[in-house]
Amino acid sequence: MNGIRVCTRTSRSLTTRNISTSLICRAAASEETLPTKAYPFASNALVLPVPSDPRPKTLLKGKNLMEHLHKTTLSENARRMIEVDFSRRHPNRIRVGSVLTLTLEHPPHSFSGVLIAIKRKGADTSILLRNIVQRTGVEVQFFLNSPAIKNIKVLQRAGGTPPPGEEGVKLGKAMVRSKLYFLRDYPSRMSAISAGITKQKR
């Protein structure tokens, strides 16, 4: 029987044990792609199949590793949001200061707020929304690669021109700063913005 010898070091001696090969070993030997199965512990988890093409030698040495992960691990929706919607220089990007509404698969199922920061870190790109809820400032950070994000709706764009399909979106004033953390010290401004969000929801 084919097997893999795994060594486990104990306090007394070095013992070995055989682990029977499974579908992973047979697929690795024949260079076949593993079937994608659902993750039993979370329904939102993305289980990616093992690629059948061999890795380049430069990738095995650690070169261009992050670029490879950015191309292979991101879904189409997450890649579009990172490269278009929240990119640094795309003409149709969503700028800081816009008012957004996110629809999620888990509570809170919907959250609206002002986009006060975009943290661009490749696959770990995230956005920070702020709103006033019951006279309390609430900030929520959303990772764009999260499978829990269903939809992102733009209620008000901060500067720029709306892309095709968003002609009815309200245009606001473009912000000079890239991070709007100063809004934390101006609750009156945040109250006015949250009131505008409530009116647009109705």
C-alpha atoms as a PDB file:
ATOM      1  CA  MET A   1       0.000   0.000   0.000  1.00  0.00           C
ATOM      2  CA  ASN A   2       1.307   3.398  -0.965  1.00  0.00           C
ATOM      3  CA  GLY A   3       1.958   5.631   1.981  1.00  0.00           C
ATOM      4  CA  ILE A   4       3.750   8.644   3.362  1.00  0.00           C
ATOM      5  CA  ARG A   5       6.213   8.235   6.177  1.00  0.00           C
ATOM      6  CA  VAL A   6       5.767  10.976   8.763  1.00  0.00           C
ATOM      7  CA  CYS A   7       8.282  11.372  11.575  1.00  0.00           C
ATOM      8  CA  THR A   8       7.080  12.590  14.965  1.00  0.00           C
ATOM      9  CA  ARG A   9       9.658  13.468  17.624  1.00  0.00           C
ATOM     10  CA  THR A  10       8.773  12.505  21.178  1.00  0.00           C
ATOM     11  CA  SER A  11      10.634  12.997  24.435  1.00  0.00           C
ATOM     12  CA  ARG A  12      12.063   9.455  24.395  1.00  0.00           C
ATOM     13  CA  SER A  13      12.660   8.432  20.829  1.00  0.00           C
ATOM     14  CA  LEU A  14      11.896   9.243  17.223  1.00  0.00           C
ATOM     15  CA  THR A  15       8.873   7.287  16.113  1.00  0.00           C
ATOM     16  CA  THR A  16       7.516   6.923  12.620  1.00  0.00           C
ATOM     17  CA  ARG A  17       4.067   6.155  11.426  1.00  0.00           C
ATOM     18  CA  ASN A  18       2.509   5.524   8.038  1.00  0.00           C
ATOM     19  CA  ILE A  19      -0.364   7.597   6.733  1.00  0.00           C
ATOM     20  CA  SER A  20      -2.308   6.070   3.880  1.00  0.00           C
ATOM     21  CA  THR A  21      -2.423   8.168   0.760  1.00  0.00           C
ATOM     22  CA  SER A  22      -5.674   9.727  -0.307  1.00  0.00           C
ATOM     23  CA  LEU A  23      -7.010  11.541  -3.326  1.00  0.00           C
ATOM     24  CA  ILE A  24      -4.475  14.331  -2.720  1.00  0.00           C
ATOM     25  CA  CYS A  25      -1.478  12.025  -3.257  1.00  0.00           C
ATOM     26  CA  ARG A  26      -2.960  10.398  -6.343  1.00  0.00           C
ATOM     27  CA  ALA A  27      -3.802  13.775  -7.852  1.00  0.00           C
ATOM     28  CA  ALA A  28      -0.311  15.063  -7.095  1.00  0.00           C
ATOM     29  CA  ALA A  29       1.229  12.060  -8.815  1.00  0.00           C
ATOM     30  CA  SER A  30      -0.967  12.304 -11.901  1.00  0.00           C
ATOM     31  CA  GLU A  31      -1.056  16.162 -11.878  1.00  0.00           C
ATOM     32  CA  GLU A  32      -4.845  16.214 -11.857  1.00  0.00           C
ATOM     33  CA  THR A  33      -7.081  18.908 -10.402  1.00  0.00           C
ATOM     34  CA  LEU A  34      -8.813  18.075  -7.151  1.00  0.00           C
ATOM     35  CA  PRO A  35     -12.613  18.360  -7.113  1.00  0.00           C
ATOM     36  CA  THR A  36     -13.988  21.319  -5.223  1.00  0.00           C
ATOM     37  CA  LYS A  37     -15.930  20.329  -2.109  1.00  0.00           C
ATOM     38  CA  ALA A  38     -17.936  22.470   0.269  1.00  0.00           C
ATOM     39  CA  TYR A  39     -16.226  23.475   3.490  1.00  0.00           C
ATOM     40  CA  PRO A  40     -18.183  21.732   6.291  1.00  0.00           C
ATOM     41  CA  PHE A  41     -17.633  24.416   8.945  1.00  0.00           C
ATOM     42  CA  ALA A  42     -18.696  27.572   7.048  1.00  0.00           C
ATOM     43  CA  SER A  43     -21.025  27.960   4.082  1.00  0.00           C
ATOM     44  CA  ASN A  44     -19.357  31.210   2.983  1.00  0.00           C
ATOM     45  CA  ALA A  45     -15.859  29.736   2.656  1.00  0.00           C
ATOM     46  CA  LEU A  46     -14.379  29.542  -0.830  1.00  0.00           C
ATOM     47  CA  VAL A  47     -12.638  26.226  -1.485  1.00  0.00           C
ATOM     48  CA  LEU A  48     -10.360  26.640  -4.477  1.00  0.00           C
ATOM     49  CA  PRO A  49      -9.222  23.609  -6.501  1.00  0.00           C
ATOM     50  CA  VAL A  50      -5.564  22.750  -6.715  1.00  0.00           C
ATOM     51  CA  PRO A  51      -4.215  24.081 -10.048  1.00  0.00           C
ATOM     52  CA  SER A  52      -3.076  21.454 -12.517  1.00  0.00           C
ATOM     53  CA  ASP A  53      -0.333  23.568 -14.112  1.00  0.00           C
ATOM     54  CA  PRO A  54       3.090  23.313 -12.434  1.00  0.00           C
ATOM     55  CA  ARG A  55       4.388  26.302 -10.510  1.00  0.00           C
ATOM     56  CA  PRO A  56       7.259  28.226 -12.069  1.00  0.00           C
ATOM     57  CA  LYS A  57      10.645  27.902 -10.407  1.00  0.00           C
ATOM     58  CA  THR A  58      10.755  31.604  -9.547  1.00  0.00           C
ATOM     59  CA  LEU A  59       7.489  31.251  -7.631  1.00  0.00           C
ATOM     60  CA  LEU A  60       8.859  28.358  -5.590  1.00  0.00           C
ATOM     61  CA  LYS A  61      11.760  30.597  -4.583  1.00  0.00           C
ATOM     62  CA  GLY A  62       9.361  33.256  -3.287  1.00  0.00           C
ATOM     63  CA  LYS A  63       9.602  35.739  -6.157  1.00  0.00           C
ATOM     64  CA  ASN A  64       6.377  37.457  -7.327  1.00  0.00           C
ATOM     65  CA  LEU A  65       4.453  35.471  -4.727  1.00  0.00           C
ATOM     66  CA  MET A  66       2.013  38.251  -3.773  1.00  0.00           C
ATOM     67  CA  GLU A  67       1.232  38.994  -7.418  1.00  0.00           C
ATOM     68  CA  HIS A  68       0.485  35.307  -7.992  1.00  0.00           C
ATOM     69  CA  LEU A  69      -1.826  35.164  -4.962  1.00  0.00           C
ATOM     70  CA  HIS A  70      -3.590  38.339  -6.075  1.00  0.00           C
ATOM     71  CA  LYS A  71      -4.386  36.754  -9.449  1.00  0.00           C
ATOM     72  CA  THR A  72      -5.378  33.294  -8.241  1.00  0.00           C
ATOM     73  CA  THR A  73      -7.126  33.707  -4.877  1.00  0.00           C
ATOM     74  CA  LEU A  74      -9.433  36.662  -5.560  1.00  0.00           C
ATOM     75  CA  SER A  75     -12.929  36.171  -6.910  1.00  0.00           C
ATOM     76  CA  GLU A  76     -14.131  38.140  -9.924  1.00  0.00           C
ATOM     77  CA  ASN A  77     -16.285  40.433  -7.795  1.00  0.00           C
ATOM     78  CA  ALA A  78     -13.474  41.165  -5.326  1.00  0.00           C
ATOM     79  CA  ARG A  79     -10.975  41.779  -8.141  1.00  0.00           C
ATOM     80  CA  ARG A  80     -13.363  44.253  -9.796  1.00  0.00           C
ATOM     81  CA  MET A  81     -13.870  46.170  -6.550  1.00  0.00           C
ATOM     82  CA  ILE A  82     -10.134  46.326  -5.835  1.00  0.00           C
ATOM     83  CA  GLU A  83      -8.990  47.207  -9.376  1.00  0.00           C
ATOM     84  CA  VAL A  84     -11.890  49.475 -10.427  1.00  0.00           C
ATOM     85  CA  ASP A  85     -14.242  50.651  -7.680  1.00  0.00           C
ATOM     86  CA  PHE A  86     -11.680  51.363  -4.959  1.00  0.00           C
ATOM     87  CA  SER A  87      -8.502  51.707  -6.993  1.00  0.00           C
ATOM     88  CA  ARG A  88      -6.150  54.640  -6.719  1.00  0.00           C
ATOM     89  CA  ARG A  89      -6.338  56.073 -10.252  1.00  0.00           C
ATOM     90  CA  HIS A  90      -9.280  54.512 -12.118  1.00  0.00           C
ATOM     91  CA  PRO A  91     -11.604  57.209 -13.563  1.00  0.00           C
ATOM     92  CA  ASN A  92     -14.750  55.445 -12.265  1.00  0.00           C
ATOM     93  CA  ARG A  93     -13.394  54.834  -8.761  1.00  0.00           C
ATOM     94  CA  ILE A  94     -15.387  55.527  -5.615  1.00  0.00           C
ATOM     95  CA  ARG A  95     -13.655  58.357  -3.792  1.00  0.00           C
ATOM     96  CA  VAL A  96     -13.330  58.995  -0.084  1.00  0.00           C
ATOM     97  CA  GLY A  97     -16.289  61.015   1.189  1.00  0.00           C
ATOM     98  CA  SER A  98     -18.911  59.054  -0.751  1.00  0.00           C
ATOM     99  CA  VAL A  99     -21.986  57.641   0.956  1.00  0.00           C
ATOM    100  CA  LEU A 100     -22.314  53.867   0.558  1.00  0.00           C
ATOM    101  CA  THR A 101     -24.731  51.124   1.555  1.00  0.00           C
ATOM    102  CA  LEU A 102     -23.383  47.591   1.968  1.00  0.00           C
ATOM    103  CA  THR A 103     -25.580  44.507   1.918  1.00  0.00           C
ATOM    104  CA  LEU A 104     -24.175  41.550   3.865  1.00  0.00           C
ATOM    105  CA  GLU A 105     -25.097  37.923   4.359  1.00  0.00           C
ATOM    106  CA  HIS A 106     -24.781  38.107   8.146  1.00  0.00           C
ATOM    107  CA  PRO A 107     -25.919  40.671  10.727  1.00  0.00           C
ATOM    108  CA  PRO A 108     -25.858  43.584  10.295  1.00  0.00           C
ATOM    109  CA  HIS A 109     -27.423  42.725   6.938  1.00  0.00           C
ATOM    110  CA  SER A 110     -27.203  46.356   5.797  1.00  0.00           C
ATOM    111  CA  PHE A 111     -24.962  49.210   6.844  1.00  0.00           C
ATOM    112  CA  SER A 112     -24.821  52.739   5.449  1.00  0.00           C
ATOM    113  CA  GLY A 113     -22.123  55.250   6.138  1.00  0.00           C
ATOM    114  CA  VAL A 114     -19.583  57.713   4.868  1.00  0.00           C
ATOM    115  CA  LEU A 115     -16.453  56.283   3.307  1.00  0.00           C
ATOM    116  CA  ILE A 116     -13.727  57.834   5.445  1.00  0.00           C
ATOM    117  CA  ALA A 117     -10.756  55.607   4.518  1.00  0.00           C
ATOM    118  CA  ILE A 118      -9.560  53.073   1.947  1.00  0.00           C
ATOM    119  CA  LYS A 119      -6.701  50.815   2.992  1.00  0.00           C
ATOM    120  CA  ARG A 120      -5.181  49.357  -0.167  1.00  0.00           C
ATOM    121  CA  LYS A 121      -3.249  46.176   0.641  1.00  0.00           C
ATOM    122  CA  GLY A 122      -3.816  43.972  -2.389  1.00  0.00           C
ATOM    123  CA  ALA A 123      -6.023  41.032  -1.468  1.00  0.00           C
ATOM    124  CA  ASP A 124      -6.494  42.510   2.037  1.00  0.00           C
ATOM    125  CA  THR A 125      -7.918  45.812   0.772  1.00  0.00           C
ATOM    126  CA  SER A 126     -10.561  47.179   3.126  1.00  0.00           C
ATOM    127  CA  ILE A 127     -12.827  50.193   3.464  1.00  0.00           C
ATOM    128  CA  LEU A 128     -13.927  52.045   6.597  1.00  0.00           C
ATOM    129  CA  LEU A 129     -17.483  53.414   6.895  1.00  0.00           C
ATOM    130  CA  ARG A 130     -18.697  55.769   9.618  1.00  0.00           C
ATOM    131  CA  ASN A 131     -22.210  56.687  10.643  1.00  0.00           C
ATOM    132  CA  ILE A 132     -24.106  58.063  13.645  1.00  0.00           C
ATOM    133  CA  VAL A 133     -26.362  55.426  15.247  1.00  0.00           C
ATOM    134  CA  GLN A 134     -28.451  56.558  18.236  1.00  0.00           C
ATOM    135  CA  ARG A 135     -26.135  59.519  18.896  1.00  0.00           C
ATOM    136  CA  THR A 136     -23.100  57.260  18.875  1.00  0.00           C
ATOM    137  CA  GLY A 137     -20.408  57.204  16.224  1.00  0.00           C
ATOM    138  CA  VAL A 138     -20.089  53.764  14.676  1.00  0.00           C
ATOM    139  CA  GLU A 139     -17.260  52.718  12.362  1.00  0.00           C
ATOM    140  CA  VAL A 140     -17.226  49.388  10.539  1.00  0.00           C
ATOM    141  CA  GLN A 141     -14.336  48.023   8.497  1.00  0.00           C
ATOM    142  CA  PHE A 142     -15.197  45.794   5.534  1.00  0.00           C
ATOM    143  CA  PHE A 143     -12.698  43.647   3.637  1.00  0.00           C
ATOM    144  CA  LEU A 144     -13.476  43.619  -0.085  1.00  0.00           C
ATOM    145  CA  ASN A 145     -12.349  40.011  -0.451  1.00  0.00           C
ATOM    146  CA  SER A 146     -14.928  38.838   2.082  1.00  0.00           C
ATOM    147  CA  PRO A 147     -17.578  36.492   0.626  1.00  0.00           C
ATOM    148  CA  ALA A 148     -20.135  38.014   3.029  1.00  0.00           C
ATOM    149  CA  ILE A 149     -20.443  41.187   0.914  1.00  0.00           C
ATOM    150  CA  LYS A 150     -23.422  40.854  -1.418  1.00  0.00           C
ATOM    151  CA  ASN A 151     -23.719  44.317  -2.911  1.00  0.00           C
ATOM    152  CA  ILE A 152     -22.300  47.832  -2.597  1.00  0.00           C
ATOM    153  CA  LYS A 153     -24.654  50.660  -3.518  1.00  0.00           C
ATOM    154  CA  VAL A 154     -23.456  54.223  -3.978  1.00  0.00           C
ATOM    155  CA  LEU A 155     -25.923  56.768  -2.572  1.00  0.00           C
ATOM    156  CA  GLN A 156     -23.735  59.824  -3.120  1.00  0.00           C
ATOM    157  CA  ARG A 157     -20.435  60.192  -4.981  1.00  0.00           C
ATOM    158  CA  ALA A 158     -17.767  62.562  -3.748  1.00  0.00           C
ATOM    159  CA  GLY A 159     -16.566  64.317  -6.891  1.00  0.00           C
ATOM    160  CA  GLY A 160     -15.850  62.850 -10.286  1.00  0.00           C
ATOM    161  CA  THR A 161     -18.388  61.744 -12.870  1.00  0.00           C
ATOM    162  CA  PRO A 162     -20.703  58.783 -12.285  1.00  0.00           C
ATOM    163  CA  PRO A 163     -20.088  55.757 -14.525  1.00  0.00           C
ATOM    164  CA  PRO A 164     -22.754  54.552 -16.993  1.00  0.00           C
ATOM    165  CA  GLY A 165     -25.760  53.223 -15.121  1.00  0.00           C
ATOM    166  CA  GLU A 166     -25.484  55.657 -12.179  1.00  0.00           C
ATOM    167  CA  GLU A 167     -26.879  58.821 -13.735  1.00  0.00           C
ATOM    168  CA  GLY A 168     -29.341  59.286 -10.862  1.00  0.00           C
ATOM    169  CA  VAL A 169     -26.689  59.167  -8.147  1.00  0.00           C
ATOM    170  CA  LYS A 170     -26.250  62.415  -6.246  1.00  0.00           C
ATOM    171  CA  LEU A 171     -22.870  64.116  -6.655  1.00  0.00           C
ATOM    172  CA  GLY A 172     -21.154  65.634  -3.644  1.00  0.00           C
ATOM    173  CA  LYS A 173     -18.075  67.732  -3.074  1.00  0.00           C
ATOM    174  CA  ALA A 174     -14.713  66.098  -3.688  1.00  0.00           C
ATOM    175  CA  MET A 175     -12.521  65.718  -0.622  1.00  0.00           C
ATOM    176  CA  VAL A 176      -8.908  66.895  -0.578  1.00  0.00           C
ATOM    177  CA  ARG A 177      -7.701  64.480   2.092  1.00  0.00           C
ATOM    178  CA  SER A 178      -7.355  60.775   1.498  1.00  0.00           C
ATOM    179  CA  LYS A 179      -8.442  59.925   5.071  1.00  0.00           C
ATOM    180  CA  LEU A 180     -11.394  61.678   6.722  1.00  0.00           C
ATOM    181  CA  TYR A 181     -10.560  60.861  10.324  1.00  0.00           C
ATOM    182  CA  PHE A 182     -11.218  64.478  11.265  1.00  0.00           C
ATOM    183  CA  LEU A 183     -14.971  63.754  11.020  1.00  0.00           C
ATOM    184  CA  ARG A 184     -14.682  61.986  14.371  1.00  0.00           C
ATOM    185  CA  ASP A 185     -14.280  65.382  16.024  1.00  0.00           C
ATOM    186  CA  TYR A 186     -17.265  66.951  14.200  1.00  0.00           C
ATOM    187  CA  PRO A 187     -20.444  65.120  15.274  1.00  0.00           C
ATOM    188  CA  SER A 188     -22.586  67.864  13.774  1.00  0.00           C
ATOM    189  CA  ARG A 189     -21.256  67.118  10.296  1.00  0.00           C
ATOM    190  CA  MET A 190     -21.760  63.393  10.760  1.00  0.00           C
ATOM    191  CA  SER A 191     -25.311  64.000  12.009  1.00  0.00           C
ATOM    192  CA  ALA A 192     -26.080  65.985   8.871  1.00  0.00           C
ATOM    193  CA  ILE A 193     -24.662  63.242   6.652  1.00  0.00           C
ATOM    194  CA  SER A 194     -26.560  60.489   8.456  1.00  0.00           C
ATOM    195  CA  ALA A 195     -29.766  62.518   8.122  1.00  0.00           C
ATOM    196  CA  GLY A 196     -29.173  62.668   4.383  1.00  0.00           C
ATOM    197  CA  ILE A 197     -28.718  58.898   4.316  1.00  0.00           C
ATOM    198  CA  THR A 198     -32.046  58.401   6.087  1.00  0.00           C
ATOM    199  CA  LYS A 199     -33.828  60.650   3.598  1.00  0.00           C
ATOM    200  CA  GLN A 200     -32.378  58.763   0.635  1.00  0.00           C
ATOM    201  CA  LYS A 201     -33.419  55.421   2.163  1.00  0.00           C
ATOM    202  CA  ARG A 202     -37.018  56.575   2.456  1.00  0.00           C
END
